[in-house]
Amino acid sequence: MAQVQLIVGLGNPGQEYEQTRHNAGVWYLDALARAHGVHLNKEKKYFGVTGTFTFEGETIRLLVPTTFMNRSGQSTSALANFFKIPTEQILVAHDELDLPPGTARFKQGGGHGGHNGLKDIISRHGNNRNFYRLRIGIGHPGSAQLVTPHVLNKPSTADRTLIEHAIDEAVRYTPDLLRGDLNSAMNHLNGFRA
């Protein structure tokens, strides 16, 4: 059985948010879907857009919640419960203030670090924090008061290019994680800096 059965890309719905830093998780999921030839379709019962691909004989499900970020868990729990996917077999991709643009990191478990999407997922999965994460660096604006405008605005062209390079690397090493080799995925990605 694949170590990860569900991959979720976090963001906010709507055109006004599409290009904002907070949607870096969606950018990764879109890139992963393209790499595997997956077309994502809207599924009301999962409050998101979903698709699947087969990896080494296993079905891997992709999900982008169409709820707002702070209700991401509504979508992930609906799909995970329906397909009986354990929380420990979910990978959540999200923007990360504590990493600079051009970096991304895989990890398993941990807190939510103030990220509203992670907060809701943890809450709706019975406070189980042991899912995998892909943290996509967007940089910190330097002050707590500036965080909201920072995440809800578009990155500069230079930063967007760096973020996309990091996402491409994450897509390249996602198969290691799917096979259950978290260390390989982490080591490859941790050594990368765009």
N, C-alpha and C. Protein backbone atom coordinates (compact mmCIF):
# COMPACT_ATOMS: atom_id res chain seq x y z
N MET A 1 0.84 -1.21 0.00
CA MET A 1 0.00 0.00 0.00
C MET A 1 0.88 1.25 0.00
N ALA A 2 0.48 2.24 -0.81
CA ALA A 2 1.23 3.50 -0.87
C ALA A 2 1.20 4.18 0.49
N GLN A 3 2.31 4.82 0.83
CA GLN A 3 2.41 5.51 2.12
C GLN A 3 1.48 6.73 2.14
N VAL A 4 1.27 7.34 0.98
CA VAL A 4 0.38 8.49 0.86
C VAL A 4 -0.71 8.14 -0.16
N GLN A 5 -1.96 8.28 0.25
CA GLN A 5 -3.08 7.98 -0.65
C GLN A 5 -3.82 9.23 -1.10
N LEU A 6 -3.63 10.33 -0.36
CA LEU A 6 -4.34 11.57 -0.68
C LEU A 6 -3.36 12.73 -0.59
N ILE A 7 -3.31 13.54 -1.65
CA ILE A 7 -2.46 14.74 -1.67
C ILE A 7 -3.36 15.95 -1.82
N VAL A 8 -3.20 16.91 -0.91
CA VAL A 8 -4.08 18.08 -0.84
C VAL A 8 -3.25 19.34 -1.06
N GLY A 9 -3.73 20.23 -1.91
CA GLY A 9 -3.07 21.51 -2.14
C GLY A 9 -3.94 22.63 -1.57
N LEU A 10 -3.41 23.36 -0.59
CA LEU A 10 -4.22 24.38 0.09
C LEU A 10 -4.14 25.74 -0.59
N GLY A 11 -5.27 26.46 -0.52
CA GLY A 11 -5.36 27.81 -1.07
C GLY A 11 -6.75 28.36 -0.81
N ASN A 12 -7.01 29.52 -1.37
CA ASN A 12 -8.34 30.12 -1.31
C ASN A 12 -8.96 30.05 -2.70
N PRO A 13 -10.30 29.86 -2.77
CA PRO A 13 -10.95 29.79 -4.07
C PRO A 13 -11.17 31.18 -4.68
N GLY A 14 -11.35 31.20 -5.98
CA GLY A 14 -11.68 32.46 -6.65
C GLY A 14 -10.49 33.08 -7.35
N GLN A 15 -10.78 33.77 -8.46
CA GLN A 15 -9.72 34.35 -9.29
C GLN A 15 -8.85 35.35 -8.55
N GLU A 16 -9.46 36.09 -7.61
CA GLU A 16 -8.68 37.14 -6.94
C GLU A 16 -7.57 36.56 -6.06
N TYR A 17 -7.67 35.25 -5.72
CA TYR A 17 -6.66 34.62 -4.86
C TYR A 17 -5.69 33.72 -5.62
N GLU A 18 -6.03 33.39 -6.86
CA GLU A 18 -5.27 32.39 -7.62
C GLU A 18 -3.76 32.60 -7.61
N GLN A 19 -3.33 33.84 -7.77
CA GLN A 19 -1.90 34.13 -7.91
C GLN A 19 -1.25 34.60 -6.60
N THR A 20 -1.98 34.47 -5.48
CA THR A 20 -1.44 34.95 -4.21
C THR A 20 -0.58 33.88 -3.53
N ARG A 21 0.33 34.34 -2.67
CA ARG A 21 1.26 33.42 -2.00
C ARG A 21 0.53 32.32 -1.22
N HIS A 22 -0.63 32.64 -0.66
CA HIS A 22 -1.37 31.68 0.16
C HIS A 22 -1.80 30.47 -0.67
N ASN A 23 -1.75 30.59 -2.00
CA ASN A 23 -2.18 29.50 -2.87
C ASN A 23 -1.02 28.65 -3.39
N ALA A 24 0.13 28.76 -2.75
CA ALA A 24 1.30 27.98 -3.19
C ALA A 24 1.02 26.48 -3.17
N GLY A 25 0.21 26.03 -2.21
CA GLY A 25 -0.15 24.61 -2.15
C GLY A 25 -0.93 24.17 -3.38
N VAL A 26 -1.80 25.05 -3.86
CA VAL A 26 -2.57 24.76 -5.09
C VAL A 26 -1.63 24.72 -6.29
N TRP A 27 -0.65 25.63 -6.32
CA TRP A 27 0.31 25.64 -7.44
C TRP A 27 1.04 24.31 -7.52
N TYR A 28 1.44 23.79 -6.35
CA TYR A 28 2.10 22.47 -6.33
C TYR A 28 1.15 21.38 -6.84
N LEU A 29 -0.08 21.38 -6.35
CA LEU A 29 -1.00 20.32 -6.75
C LEU A 29 -1.28 20.39 -8.25
N ASP A 30 -1.42 21.60 -8.78
CA ASP A 30 -1.63 21.75 -10.23
C ASP A 30 -0.43 21.21 -11.01
N ALA A 31 0.78 21.49 -10.52
CA ALA A 31 2.00 21.00 -11.19
C ALA A 31 2.08 19.48 -11.13
N LEU A 32 1.71 18.91 -9.98
CA LEU A 32 1.72 17.46 -9.82
C LEU A 32 0.68 16.82 -10.75
N ALA A 33 -0.50 17.44 -10.82
CA ALA A 33 -1.56 16.92 -11.70
C ALA A 33 -1.09 16.94 -13.16
N ARG A 34 -0.45 18.03 -13.58
CA ARG A 34 0.07 18.12 -14.94
C ARG A 34 1.10 17.03 -15.21
N ALA A 35 1.98 16.81 -14.24
CA ALA A 35 3.04 15.81 -14.40
C ALA A 35 2.48 14.40 -14.59
N HIS A 36 1.30 14.16 -14.03
CA HIS A 36 0.69 12.82 -14.12
C HIS A 36 -0.52 12.79 -15.06
N GLY A 37 -0.71 13.88 -15.82
CA GLY A 37 -1.80 13.91 -16.80
C GLY A 37 -3.19 13.84 -16.18
N VAL A 38 -3.34 14.43 -14.99
CA VAL A 38 -4.62 14.37 -14.27
C VAL A 38 -5.45 15.62 -14.55
N HIS A 39 -6.72 15.42 -14.90
CA HIS A 39 -7.65 16.54 -15.03
C HIS A 39 -8.48 16.58 -13.74
N LEU A 40 -8.50 17.73 -13.08
CA LEU A 40 -9.24 17.86 -11.82
C LEU A 40 -10.68 18.28 -12.10
N ASN A 41 -11.62 17.59 -11.44
CA ASN A 41 -13.05 17.87 -11.61
C ASN A 41 -13.68 18.28 -10.30
N LYS A 42 -14.66 19.17 -10.38
CA LYS A 42 -15.34 19.63 -9.17
C LYS A 42 -16.21 18.50 -8.60
N GLU A 43 -16.07 18.29 -7.31
CA GLU A 43 -16.86 17.27 -6.61
C GLU A 43 -17.51 17.92 -5.40
N LYS A 44 -18.80 18.21 -5.52
CA LYS A 44 -19.50 18.93 -4.44
C LYS A 44 -19.41 18.21 -3.10
N LYS A 45 -19.53 16.88 -3.14
CA LYS A 45 -19.59 16.16 -1.85
C LYS A 45 -18.26 16.21 -1.10
N TYR A 46 -17.16 16.56 -1.81
CA TYR A 46 -15.86 16.69 -1.14
C TYR A 46 -15.45 18.16 -1.00
N PHE A 47 -16.34 19.08 -1.38
CA PHE A 47 -16.06 20.52 -1.26
C PHE A 47 -14.74 20.88 -1.92
N GLY A 48 -14.51 20.33 -3.11
CA GLY A 48 -13.24 20.61 -3.78
C GLY A 48 -13.21 20.10 -5.21
N VAL A 49 -12.03 20.22 -5.82
CA VAL A 49 -11.79 19.62 -7.13
C VAL A 49 -10.83 18.45 -6.91
N THR A 50 -11.11 17.34 -7.59
CA THR A 50 -10.34 16.12 -7.35
C THR A 50 -9.99 15.41 -8.64
N GLY A 51 -9.03 14.55 -8.53
CA GLY A 51 -8.63 13.67 -9.63
C GLY A 51 -7.80 12.55 -9.05
N THR A 52 -7.48 11.55 -9.88
CA THR A 52 -6.67 10.43 -9.41
C THR A 52 -5.62 10.08 -10.46
N PHE A 53 -4.54 9.45 -9.99
CA PHE A 53 -3.61 8.80 -10.91
C PHE A 53 -3.14 7.52 -10.24
N THR A 54 -2.60 6.64 -11.05
CA THR A 54 -2.12 5.36 -10.53
C THR A 54 -0.61 5.42 -10.41
N PHE A 55 -0.12 5.02 -9.25
CA PHE A 55 1.33 5.01 -9.00
C PHE A 55 1.71 3.64 -8.48
N GLU A 56 2.50 2.92 -9.26
CA GLU A 56 2.94 1.58 -8.88
C GLU A 56 1.76 0.72 -8.43
N GLY A 57 0.67 0.80 -9.21
CA GLY A 57 -0.50 -0.04 -8.96
C GLY A 57 -1.47 0.49 -7.92
N GLU A 58 -1.14 1.64 -7.31
CA GLU A 58 -1.99 2.23 -6.26
C GLU A 58 -2.69 3.47 -6.78
N THR A 59 -3.92 3.70 -6.31
CA THR A 59 -4.65 4.92 -6.65
C THR A 59 -4.25 6.03 -5.71
N ILE A 60 -3.78 7.13 -6.28
CA ILE A 60 -3.43 8.32 -5.49
C ILE A 60 -4.47 9.39 -5.81
N ARG A 61 -5.09 9.93 -4.78
CA ARG A 61 -6.13 10.94 -4.98
C ARG A 61 -5.55 12.35 -4.76
N LEU A 62 -5.96 13.27 -5.63
CA LEU A 62 -5.55 14.67 -5.52
C LEU A 62 -6.78 15.50 -5.15
N LEU A 63 -6.56 16.52 -4.34
CA LEU A 63 -7.68 17.35 -3.88
C LEU A 63 -7.24 18.80 -3.68
N VAL A 64 -8.02 19.71 -4.25
CA VAL A 64 -7.89 21.14 -3.93
C VAL A 64 -9.22 21.56 -3.31
N PRO A 65 -9.24 21.88 -2.00
CA PRO A 65 -10.49 22.33 -1.40
C PRO A 65 -10.98 23.61 -2.08
N THR A 66 -12.30 23.71 -2.27
CA THR A 66 -12.88 24.95 -2.81
C THR A 66 -13.55 25.75 -1.69
N THR A 67 -13.29 25.32 -0.46
CA THR A 67 -13.69 26.12 0.71
C THR A 67 -12.60 27.19 0.88
N PHE A 68 -12.84 28.16 1.76
CA PHE A 68 -11.76 29.08 2.09
C PHE A 68 -10.75 28.36 2.98
N MET A 69 -9.55 28.91 3.04
CA MET A 69 -8.43 28.28 3.72
C MET A 69 -8.80 27.79 5.12
N ASN A 70 -9.51 28.64 5.89
CA ASN A 70 -9.79 28.29 7.29
C ASN A 70 -10.83 27.18 7.43
N ARG A 71 -11.33 26.65 6.28
CA ARG A 71 -12.26 25.52 6.35
C ARG A 71 -11.74 24.35 5.50
N SER A 72 -10.43 24.30 5.30
CA SER A 72 -9.81 23.24 4.48
C SER A 72 -10.14 21.84 5.00
N GLY A 73 -10.25 21.71 6.30
CA GLY A 73 -10.52 20.39 6.89
C GLY A 73 -11.87 19.82 6.52
N GLN A 74 -12.82 20.70 6.20
CA GLN A 74 -14.15 20.23 5.77
C GLN A 74 -14.00 19.36 4.52
N SER A 75 -13.15 19.81 3.62
CA SER A 75 -12.93 19.11 2.36
C SER A 75 -12.08 17.84 2.56
N THR A 76 -10.94 17.98 3.25
CA THR A 76 -10.06 16.82 3.42
C THR A 76 -10.74 15.71 4.20
N SER A 77 -11.49 16.06 5.24
CA SER A 77 -12.14 15.02 6.05
C SER A 77 -13.27 14.36 5.27
N ALA A 78 -13.98 15.12 4.43
CA ALA A 78 -15.08 14.53 3.64
C ALA A 78 -14.53 13.46 2.70
N LEU A 79 -13.43 13.77 2.00
CA LEU A 79 -12.88 12.81 1.05
C LEU A 79 -12.20 11.65 1.78
N ALA A 80 -11.41 11.97 2.81
CA ALA A 80 -10.70 10.92 3.55
C ALA A 80 -11.68 9.95 4.21
N ASN A 81 -12.74 10.47 4.78
CA ASN A 81 -13.73 9.60 5.43
C ASN A 81 -14.42 8.70 4.41
N PHE A 82 -14.76 9.27 3.26
CA PHE A 82 -15.48 8.50 2.23
C PHE A 82 -14.64 7.33 1.74
N PHE A 83 -13.34 7.58 1.50
CA PHE A 83 -12.47 6.53 0.97
C PHE A 83 -11.69 5.80 2.06
N LYS A 84 -12.02 6.09 3.33
CA LYS A 84 -11.37 5.44 4.47
C LYS A 84 -9.84 5.57 4.41
N ILE A 85 -9.40 6.80 4.14
CA ILE A 85 -7.96 7.08 4.09
C ILE A 85 -7.52 7.58 5.46
N PRO A 86 -6.59 6.89 6.10
CA PRO A 86 -6.13 7.34 7.42
C PRO A 86 -5.43 8.70 7.32
N THR A 87 -5.55 9.49 8.36
CA THR A 87 -4.91 10.81 8.40
C THR A 87 -3.42 10.69 8.13
N GLU A 88 -2.80 9.62 8.61
CA GLU A 88 -1.36 9.41 8.45
C GLU A 88 -0.95 9.17 6.99
N GLN A 89 -1.93 8.99 6.10
CA GLN A 89 -1.62 8.74 4.69
C GLN A 89 -2.05 9.92 3.81
N ILE A 90 -2.07 11.10 4.41
CA ILE A 90 -2.41 12.33 3.69
C ILE A 90 -1.17 13.22 3.63
N LEU A 91 -0.94 13.83 2.46
CA LEU A 91 0.11 14.85 2.29
C LEU A 91 -0.59 16.17 2.02
N VAL A 92 -0.30 17.18 2.83
CA VAL A 92 -0.90 18.51 2.66
C VAL A 92 0.19 19.48 2.23
N ALA A 93 0.01 20.11 1.07
CA ALA A 93 0.97 21.11 0.57
C ALA A 93 0.45 22.50 0.92
N HIS A 94 1.32 23.33 1.50
CA HIS A 94 0.87 24.66 1.94
C HIS A 94 2.02 25.67 1.89
N ASP A 95 1.66 26.95 1.88
CA ASP A 95 2.63 28.03 1.92
C ASP A 95 3.26 28.09 3.31
N GLU A 96 4.53 28.46 3.36
CA GLU A 96 5.27 28.48 4.62
C GLU A 96 6.05 29.78 4.77
N LEU A 97 5.64 30.60 5.74
CA LEU A 97 6.29 31.88 6.01
C LEU A 97 7.73 31.72 6.47
N ASP A 98 8.02 30.64 7.19
CA ASP A 98 9.33 30.48 7.82
C ASP A 98 10.41 29.96 6.88
N LEU A 99 10.06 29.77 5.61
CA LEU A 99 11.06 29.35 4.61
C LEU A 99 11.12 30.41 3.52
N PRO A 100 12.32 30.70 3.01
CA PRO A 100 12.42 31.70 1.93
C PRO A 100 11.92 31.14 0.60
N PRO A 101 11.48 32.01 -0.31
CA PRO A 101 11.10 31.55 -1.65
C PRO A 101 12.27 30.79 -2.29
N GLY A 102 11.96 29.72 -2.99
CA GLY A 102 13.01 28.91 -3.61
C GLY A 102 13.36 27.69 -2.79
N THR A 103 12.69 27.51 -1.65
CA THR A 103 12.90 26.32 -0.82
C THR A 103 11.55 25.66 -0.56
N ALA A 104 11.60 24.35 -0.33
CA ALA A 104 10.42 23.58 0.06
C ALA A 104 10.92 22.41 0.91
N ARG A 105 10.09 21.97 1.83
CA ARG A 105 10.50 20.89 2.75
C ARG A 105 9.34 19.92 2.96
N PHE A 106 9.66 18.62 2.89
CA PHE A 106 8.71 17.60 3.33
C PHE A 106 8.91 17.37 4.83
N LYS A 107 7.84 17.07 5.53
CA LYS A 107 7.96 16.65 6.93
C LYS A 107 6.73 15.84 7.30
N GLN A 108 6.80 15.16 8.42
CA GLN A 108 5.63 14.43 8.91
C GLN A 108 5.28 14.95 10.29
N GLY A 109 4.00 15.23 10.48
CA GLY A 109 3.52 15.65 11.79
C GLY A 109 3.95 17.06 12.14
N GLY A 110 3.65 17.46 13.37
CA GLY A 110 3.99 18.80 13.86
C GLY A 110 2.74 19.61 14.11
N GLY A 111 2.93 20.85 14.54
CA GLY A 111 1.81 21.74 14.85
C GLY A 111 1.31 22.43 13.59
N HIS A 112 0.51 23.48 13.81
CA HIS A 112 -0.03 24.21 12.65
C HIS A 112 0.72 25.52 12.40
N GLY A 113 1.54 25.95 13.37
CA GLY A 113 2.35 27.15 13.19
C GLY A 113 1.53 28.39 12.85
N GLY A 114 0.28 28.41 13.30
CA GLY A 114 -0.58 29.57 13.01
C GLY A 114 -1.24 29.53 11.64
N HIS A 115 -0.97 28.47 10.87
CA HIS A 115 -1.55 28.36 9.51
C HIS A 115 -3.00 27.89 9.63
N ASN A 116 -3.94 28.73 9.18
CA ASN A 116 -5.36 28.43 9.38
C ASN A 116 -5.83 27.17 8.65
N GLY A 117 -5.23 26.88 7.51
CA GLY A 117 -5.60 25.66 6.79
C GLY A 117 -5.21 24.42 7.58
N LEU A 118 -3.96 24.41 8.08
CA LEU A 118 -3.49 23.27 8.88
C LEU A 118 -4.29 23.16 10.17
N LYS A 119 -4.60 24.29 10.76
CA LYS A 119 -5.35 24.32 12.03
C LYS A 119 -6.69 23.60 11.86
N ASP A 120 -7.40 23.92 10.75
CA ASP A 120 -8.71 23.32 10.53
C ASP A 120 -8.60 21.83 10.18
N ILE A 121 -7.57 21.47 9.43
CA ILE A 121 -7.39 20.05 9.09
C ILE A 121 -7.13 19.24 10.35
N ILE A 122 -6.24 19.73 11.20
CA ILE A 122 -5.95 19.03 12.46
C ILE A 122 -7.23 18.88 13.28
N SER A 123 -7.99 19.95 13.39
CA SER A 123 -9.22 19.94 14.17
C SER A 123 -10.23 18.94 13.62
N ARG A 124 -10.39 18.91 12.31
CA ARG A 124 -11.42 18.04 11.71
C ARG A 124 -10.98 16.60 11.53
N HIS A 125 -9.72 16.34 11.82
CA HIS A 125 -9.23 14.96 11.78
C HIS A 125 -8.95 14.49 13.21
N GLY A 126 -9.80 14.91 14.13
CA GLY A 126 -9.72 14.44 15.52
C GLY A 126 -8.44 14.82 16.22
N ASN A 127 -7.92 16.03 15.90
CA ASN A 127 -6.65 16.53 16.46
C ASN A 127 -5.45 15.65 16.13
N ASN A 128 -5.57 14.86 15.06
CA ASN A 128 -4.45 14.04 14.60
C ASN A 128 -3.55 14.92 13.73
N ARG A 129 -2.31 15.12 14.16
CA ARG A 129 -1.36 15.99 13.45
C ARG A 129 -0.39 15.20 12.57
N ASN A 130 -0.56 13.88 12.52
CA ASN A 130 0.49 13.03 11.94
C ASN A 130 0.39 12.84 10.44
N PHE A 131 -0.12 13.85 9.75
CA PHE A 131 -0.12 13.79 8.29
C PHE A 131 1.20 14.39 7.78
N TYR A 132 1.50 14.05 6.52
CA TYR A 132 2.70 14.62 5.88
C TYR A 132 2.40 16.05 5.44
N ARG A 133 3.45 16.84 5.39
CA ARG A 133 3.31 18.22 4.89
C ARG A 133 4.38 18.49 3.85
N LEU A 134 4.02 19.31 2.89
CA LEU A 134 5.01 19.91 2.00
C LEU A 134 4.92 21.40 2.27
N ARG A 135 5.98 21.94 2.86
CA ARG A 135 6.03 23.36 3.22
C ARG A 135 6.73 24.11 2.10
N ILE A 136 6.02 25.00 1.45
CA ILE A 136 6.55 25.73 0.30
C ILE A 136 6.88 27.15 0.74
N GLY A 137 8.16 27.48 0.71
CA GLY A 137 8.62 28.77 1.23
C GLY A 137 8.08 29.96 0.45
N ILE A 138 7.52 30.92 1.19
CA ILE A 138 7.05 32.19 0.58
C ILE A 138 7.73 33.39 1.24
N GLY A 139 8.55 33.12 2.26
CA GLY A 139 9.24 34.21 2.96
C GLY A 139 8.34 34.91 3.96
N HIS A 140 8.97 35.58 4.91
CA HIS A 140 8.23 36.32 5.95
C HIS A 140 8.40 37.82 5.70
N PRO A 141 7.32 38.58 5.85
CA PRO A 141 7.43 40.03 5.59
C PRO A 141 8.20 40.80 6.66
N GLY A 142 8.53 40.11 7.79
CA GLY A 142 9.35 40.77 8.80
C GLY A 142 8.58 41.23 10.02
N SER A 143 7.27 41.32 9.92
CA SER A 143 6.47 41.77 11.05
C SER A 143 5.12 41.05 11.04
N ALA A 144 4.64 40.68 12.23
CA ALA A 144 3.38 39.94 12.34
C ALA A 144 2.21 40.70 11.71
N GLN A 145 2.25 42.04 11.82
CA GLN A 145 1.14 42.85 11.27
C GLN A 145 1.07 42.77 9.75
N LEU A 146 2.20 42.43 9.13
CA LEU A 146 2.25 42.40 7.67
C LEU A 146 1.94 41.03 7.07
N VAL A 147 1.75 40.02 7.94
CA VAL A 147 1.58 38.65 7.44
C VAL A 147 0.35 38.51 6.55
N THR A 148 -0.80 39.01 7.00
CA THR A 148 -2.03 38.82 6.21
C THR A 148 -1.91 39.46 4.83
N PRO A 149 -1.51 40.75 4.73
CA PRO A 149 -1.35 41.29 3.38
C PRO A 149 -0.29 40.55 2.56
N HIS A 150 0.75 40.04 3.23
CA HIS A 150 1.82 39.32 2.53
C HIS A 150 1.28 38.06 1.87
N VAL A 151 0.55 37.24 2.65
CA VAL A 151 0.09 35.96 2.09
C VAL A 151 -1.03 36.16 1.07
N LEU A 152 -1.77 37.27 1.19
CA LEU A 152 -2.91 37.50 0.29
C LEU A 152 -2.54 38.38 -0.90
N ASN A 153 -1.25 38.60 -1.11
CA ASN A 153 -0.80 39.34 -2.29
C ASN A 153 0.06 38.46 -3.18
N LYS A 154 0.22 38.90 -4.42
CA LYS A 154 1.05 38.16 -5.37
C LYS A 154 2.52 38.37 -5.04
N PRO A 155 3.33 37.32 -5.19
CA PRO A 155 4.77 37.51 -5.03
C PRO A 155 5.33 38.29 -6.22
N SER A 156 6.51 38.85 -6.06
CA SER A 156 7.18 39.50 -7.19
C SER A 156 7.46 38.43 -8.25
N THR A 157 7.75 38.87 -9.45
CA THR A 157 8.06 37.92 -10.54
C THR A 157 9.25 37.06 -10.15
N ALA A 158 10.26 37.68 -9.54
CA ALA A 158 11.47 36.93 -9.13
C ALA A 158 11.12 35.87 -8.08
N ASP A 159 10.32 36.26 -7.08
CA ASP A 159 9.93 35.30 -6.03
C ASP A 159 9.06 34.19 -6.60
N ARG A 160 8.14 34.54 -7.51
CA ARG A 160 7.27 33.53 -8.11
C ARG A 160 8.11 32.49 -8.86
N THR A 161 9.13 32.95 -9.56
CA THR A 161 10.02 32.03 -10.28
C THR A 161 10.73 31.10 -9.31
N LEU A 162 11.22 31.65 -8.20
CA LEU A 162 11.89 30.83 -7.18
C LEU A 162 10.92 29.79 -6.60
N ILE A 163 9.71 30.23 -6.28
CA ILE A 163 8.70 29.33 -5.72
C ILE A 163 8.40 28.20 -6.71
N GLU A 164 8.28 28.56 -7.99
CA GLU A 164 7.97 27.53 -8.99
C GLU A 164 9.12 26.53 -9.15
N HIS A 165 10.36 26.99 -9.04
CA HIS A 165 11.50 26.07 -9.09
C HIS A 165 11.44 25.08 -7.92
N ALA A 166 11.12 25.58 -6.75
CA ALA A 166 11.01 24.72 -5.56
C ALA A 166 9.87 23.72 -5.73
N ILE A 167 8.75 24.17 -6.30
CA ILE A 167 7.61 23.28 -6.54
C ILE A 167 8.00 22.18 -7.54
N ASP A 168 8.72 22.55 -8.59
CA ASP A 168 9.16 21.55 -9.57
C ASP A 168 10.02 20.47 -8.90
N GLU A 169 10.90 20.89 -7.99
CA GLU A 169 11.73 19.92 -7.26
C GLU A 169 10.87 19.04 -6.37
N ALA A 170 9.88 19.64 -5.72
CA ALA A 170 8.98 18.86 -4.84
C ALA A 170 8.21 17.82 -5.66
N VAL A 171 7.75 18.21 -6.85
CA VAL A 171 7.04 17.26 -7.73
C VAL A 171 7.99 16.11 -8.10
N ARG A 172 9.24 16.45 -8.37
CA ARG A 172 10.23 15.44 -8.77
C ARG A 172 10.45 14.39 -7.67
N TYR A 173 10.39 14.81 -6.40
CA TYR A 173 10.69 13.88 -5.31
C TYR A 173 9.44 13.37 -4.58
N THR A 174 8.26 13.76 -5.04
CA THR A 174 7.03 13.23 -4.44
C THR A 174 6.95 11.71 -4.56
N PRO A 175 7.39 11.08 -5.69
CA PRO A 175 7.33 9.62 -5.76
C PRO A 175 8.07 8.92 -4.62
N ASP A 176 9.18 9.50 -4.14
CA ASP A 176 9.89 8.90 -2.99
C ASP A 176 8.95 8.81 -1.79
N LEU A 177 8.22 9.89 -1.57
CA LEU A 177 7.29 9.93 -0.43
C LEU A 177 6.16 8.92 -0.63
N LEU A 178 5.64 8.84 -1.86
CA LEU A 178 4.56 7.89 -2.14
C LEU A 178 5.00 6.46 -1.86
N ARG A 179 6.28 6.18 -2.10
CA ARG A 179 6.82 4.84 -1.84
C ARG A 179 7.07 4.61 -0.35
N GLY A 180 6.98 5.66 0.44
CA GLY A 180 7.23 5.51 1.87
C GLY A 180 8.64 5.86 2.28
N ASP A 181 9.42 6.43 1.34
CA ASP A 181 10.80 6.80 1.66
C ASP A 181 10.87 8.30 1.98
N LEU A 182 10.35 8.65 3.15
CA LEU A 182 10.33 10.05 3.57
C LEU A 182 11.74 10.62 3.64
N ASN A 183 12.70 9.82 4.14
CA ASN A 183 14.07 10.31 4.29
C ASN A 183 14.68 10.72 2.96
N SER A 184 14.47 9.91 1.94
CA SER A 184 15.00 10.24 0.61
C SER A 184 14.36 11.52 0.09
N ALA A 185 13.03 11.61 0.21
CA ALA A 185 12.30 12.80 -0.25
C ALA A 185 12.80 14.04 0.49
N MET A 186 12.95 13.91 1.81
CA MET A 186 13.40 15.04 2.62
C MET A 186 14.82 15.44 2.27
N ASN A 187 15.71 14.46 2.16
CA ASN A 187 17.13 14.76 1.91
C ASN A 187 17.32 15.44 0.57
N HIS A 188 16.63 14.94 -0.46
CA HIS A 188 16.77 15.57 -1.78
C HIS A 188 16.26 17.00 -1.76
N LEU A 189 15.07 17.18 -1.17
CA LEU A 189 14.47 18.51 -1.19
C LEU A 189 15.18 19.48 -0.26
N ASN A 190 15.64 18.97 0.88
CA ASN A 190 16.32 19.84 1.84
C ASN A 190 17.62 20.41 1.28
N GLY A 191 18.21 19.68 0.34
CA GLY A 191 19.46 20.15 -0.25
C GLY A 191 19.25 21.11 -1.40
N PHE A 192 17.98 21.36 -1.76
CA PHE A 192 17.71 22.21 -2.91
C PHE A 192 17.43 23.65 -2.50
N ARG A 193 18.04 24.56 -3.24
CA ARG A 193 17.74 25.99 -3.06
C ARG A 193 17.80 26.65 -4.43
N ALA A 194 16.67 27.18 -4.89
CA ALA A 194 16.63 27.78 -6.23
C ALA A 194 17.48 29.04 -6.28
